[in-house]
C-alpha atoms as a PDB file:
ATOM      1  CA  MET A   1      36.137  -7.556   7.648  1.00  0.00           C
ATOM      2  CA  LYS A   2      36.217 -10.936   8.815  1.00  0.00           C
ATOM      3  CA  SER A   3      36.320 -14.197   7.236  1.00  0.00           C
ATOM      4  CA  ILE A   4      33.741 -16.670   8.154  1.00  0.00           C
ATOM      5  CA  LYS A   5      33.643 -20.560   7.325  1.00  0.00           C
ATOM      6  CA  VAL A   6      30.009 -21.822   6.670  1.00  0.00           C
ATOM      7  CA  VAL A   7      28.801 -24.879   5.205  1.00  0.00           C
ATOM      8  CA  ILE A   8      26.069 -24.677   2.341  1.00  0.00           C
ATOM      9  CA  GLY A   9      24.917 -27.505   0.524  1.00  0.00           C
ATOM     10  CA  GLY A  10      27.579 -29.861   1.965  1.00  0.00           C
ATOM     11  CA  GLU A  11      30.418 -27.441   0.706  1.00  0.00           C
ATOM     12  CA  GLU A  12      32.509 -25.308   2.867  1.00  0.00           C
ATOM     13  CA  TYR A  13      32.785 -21.685   2.107  1.00  0.00           C
ATOM     14  CA  SER A  14      35.006 -18.729   3.540  1.00  0.00           C
ATOM     15  CA  LEU A  15      32.728 -15.751   3.236  1.00  0.00           C
ATOM     16  CA  ILE A  16      33.979 -12.091   4.116  1.00  0.00           C
ATOM     17  CA  GLY A  17      31.807  -9.387   5.722  1.00  0.00           C
ATOM     18  CA  GLU A  18      31.438  -7.151   8.688  1.00  0.00           C
ATOM     19  CA  ASP A  19      28.301  -8.650  10.411  1.00  0.00           C
ATOM     20  CA  GLU A  20      29.346 -12.059  11.311  1.00  0.00           C
ATOM     21  CA  GLU A  21      25.777 -13.050  12.825  1.00  0.00           C
ATOM     22  CA  LEU A  22      24.132 -11.964   9.592  1.00  0.00           C
ATOM     23  CA  ILE A  23      26.414 -14.062   7.298  1.00  0.00           C
ATOM     24  CA  ILE A  24      25.991 -16.948   9.575  1.00  0.00           C
ATOM     25  CA  ARG A  25      22.174 -16.591   9.540  1.00  0.00           C
ATOM     26  CA  SER A  26      21.997 -15.960   5.820  1.00  0.00           C
ATOM     27  CA  ALA A  27      24.303 -19.292   5.037  1.00  0.00           C
ATOM     28  CA  ASN A  28      22.220 -21.266   7.421  1.00  0.00           C
ATOM     29  CA  GLU A  29      18.985 -20.055   5.741  1.00  0.00           C
ATOM     30  CA  ALA A  30      20.378 -20.727   2.174  1.00  0.00           C
ATOM     31  CA  ASN A  31      21.504 -24.350   3.495  1.00  0.00           C
ATOM     32  CA  ARG A  32      18.107 -24.898   4.878  1.00  0.00           C
ATOM     33  CA  MET A  33      16.595 -24.072   1.486  1.00  0.00           C
ATOM     34  CA  ILE A  34      18.914 -26.301  -0.406  1.00  0.00           C
ATOM     35  CA  ASN A  35      18.213 -29.218   2.058  1.00  0.00           C
ATOM     36  CA  GLU A  36      14.486 -28.608   1.729  1.00  0.00           C
ATOM     37  CA  ILE A  37      14.542 -28.712  -2.393  1.00  0.00           C
ATOM     38  CA  LYS A  38      17.021 -31.825  -2.110  1.00  0.00           C
ATOM     39  CA  SER A  39      14.511 -33.628   0.170  1.00  0.00           C
ATOM     40  CA  ARG A  40      11.509 -32.568  -2.139  1.00  0.00           C
ATOM     41  CA  TYR A  41      12.961 -34.086  -5.138  1.00  0.00           C
ATOM     42  CA  ASP A  42      14.724 -37.021  -3.532  1.00  0.00           C
ATOM     43  CA  LYS A  43      18.155 -35.753  -4.379  1.00  0.00           C
ATOM     44  CA  GLU A  44      18.043 -36.636  -7.957  1.00  0.00           C
ATOM     45  CA  LEU A  45      18.607 -33.084  -9.224  1.00  0.00           C
ATOM     46  CA  PRO A  46      22.059 -31.705 -10.056  1.00  0.00           C
ATOM     47  CA  MET A  47      23.294 -29.336  -7.205  1.00  0.00           C
ATOM     48  CA  LEU A  48      23.225 -26.284  -9.964  1.00  0.00           C
ATOM     49  CA  THR A  49      19.452 -26.897 -10.351  1.00  0.00           C
ATOM     50  CA  ILE A  50      18.940 -27.007  -6.501  1.00  0.00           C
ATOM     51  CA  THR A  51      20.941 -23.959  -5.971  1.00  0.00           C
ATOM     52  CA  THR A  52      19.103 -22.034  -8.850  1.00  0.00           C
ATOM     53  CA  LEU A  53      15.637 -23.059  -7.317  1.00  0.00           C
ATOM     54  CA  ALA A  54      16.981 -21.938  -3.917  1.00  0.00           C
ATOM     55  CA  LEU A  55      18.060 -18.652  -5.380  1.00  0.00           C
ATOM     56  CA  VAL A  56      14.605 -18.146  -7.173  1.00  0.00           C
ATOM     57  CA  ASN A  57      12.769 -19.010  -3.998  1.00  0.00           C
ATOM     58  CA  SER A  58      14.831 -16.518  -2.015  1.00  0.00           C
ATOM     59  CA  ILE A  59      14.237 -13.821  -4.513  1.00  0.00           C
ATOM     60  CA  GLU A  60      10.628 -14.447  -4.717  1.00  0.00           C
ATOM     61  CA  THR A  61      10.244 -14.084  -0.817  1.00  0.00           C
ATOM     62  CA  MET A  62      12.412 -10.979  -0.996  1.00  0.00           C
ATOM     63  CA  GLU A  63      10.067  -9.479  -3.659  1.00  0.00           C
ATOM     64  CA  ILE A  64       6.994 -10.486  -1.457  1.00  0.00           C
ATOM     65  CA  GLU A  65       8.406  -8.642   1.492  1.00  0.00           C
ATOM     66  CA  ARG A  66       9.386  -5.646  -0.600  1.00  0.00           C
ATOM     67  CA  ARG A  67       5.807  -5.379  -2.008  1.00  0.00           C
ATOM     68  CA  LYS A  68       4.565  -5.516   1.635  1.00  0.00           C
ATOM     69  CA  PHE A  69       6.798  -2.988   2.817  1.00  0.00           C
ATOM     70  CA  GLU A  70       5.853  -0.535  -0.134  1.00  0.00           C
ATOM     71  CA  GLU A  71       2.163  -1.019   0.595  1.00  0.00           C
ATOM     72  CA  GLU A  72       2.658  -0.292   4.299  1.00  0.00           C
ATOM     73  CA  LYS A  73       4.818   2.765   3.378  1.00  0.00           C
ATOM     74  CA  GLN A  74       2.103   4.047   1.151  1.00  0.00           C
ATOM     75  CA  TYR A  75      -0.518   3.424   3.930  1.00  0.00           C
ATOM     76  CA  LEU A  76       1.567   5.417   6.540  1.00  0.00           C
ATOM     77  CA  THR A  77       2.456   8.150   4.136  1.00  0.00           C
ATOM     78  CA  GLU A  78      -1.526   8.558   3.362  1.00  0.00           C
ATOM     79  CA  GLU A  79      -2.304   8.519   7.134  1.00  0.00           C
ATOM     80  CA  LEU A  80       0.405  11.054   7.917  1.00  0.00           C
ATOM     81  CA  GLU A  81      -1.104  13.214   5.127  1.00  0.00           C
ATOM     82  CA  LYS A  82      -4.557  13.050   6.637  1.00  0.00           C
ATOM     83  CA  MET A  83      -3.332  14.003  10.071  1.00  0.00           C
ATOM     84  CA  ARG A  84      -1.262  16.847   8.510  1.00  0.00           C
ATOM     85  CA  GLU A  85      -4.416  18.145   6.924  1.00  0.00           C
ATOM     86  CA  PHE A  86      -6.472  17.839  10.134  1.00  0.00           C
ATOM     87  CA  LEU A  87      -4.086  19.685  12.008  1.00  0.00           C
ATOM     88  CA  ALA A  88      -3.757  22.457   9.495  1.00  0.00           C
ATOM     89  CA  ASN A  89      -7.538  22.677   9.599  1.00  0.00           C
ATOM     90  CA  TYR A  90      -7.661  22.889  13.298  1.00  0.00           C
ATOM     91  CA  ILE A  91      -4.911  25.495  13.553  1.00  0.00           C
ATOM     92  CA  LYS A  92      -6.543  27.492  10.820  1.00  0.00           C
ATOM     93  CA  GLN A  93      -9.877  27.233  12.437  1.00  0.00           C
ATOM     94  CA  ASN A  94      -8.597  28.216  16.088  1.00  0.00           C
ATOM     95  CA  ALA A  95      -6.739  31.006  14.360  1.00  0.00           C
ATOM     96  CA  GLU A  96      -9.816  32.508  12.900  1.00  0.00           C
ATOM     97  CA  SER A  97     -11.852  32.286  16.115  1.00  0.00           C
ATOM     98  CA  GLN A  98      -9.497  34.316  18.071  1.00  0.00           C
END
């Protein structure tokens, strides 16, 4: 595990993890979200409110992506089942004709 220094919302943090690139990208995205919220509200909100809004936005985005993934997984499962049924019928028909 590696300790990585990042800046989020103007504060420096030492984060520990195995994937340094992932940690840096995540910290940069958190910082981007915080700065976006700060600029949207003219920096009048307390930092706790800003970070809470950023967290909720992040979780909302994750949930949307999770739902898309589940829908795609369901679609692929259904398509694979159709293919399996087609192949089973094809094999059965060819076995009967021989």
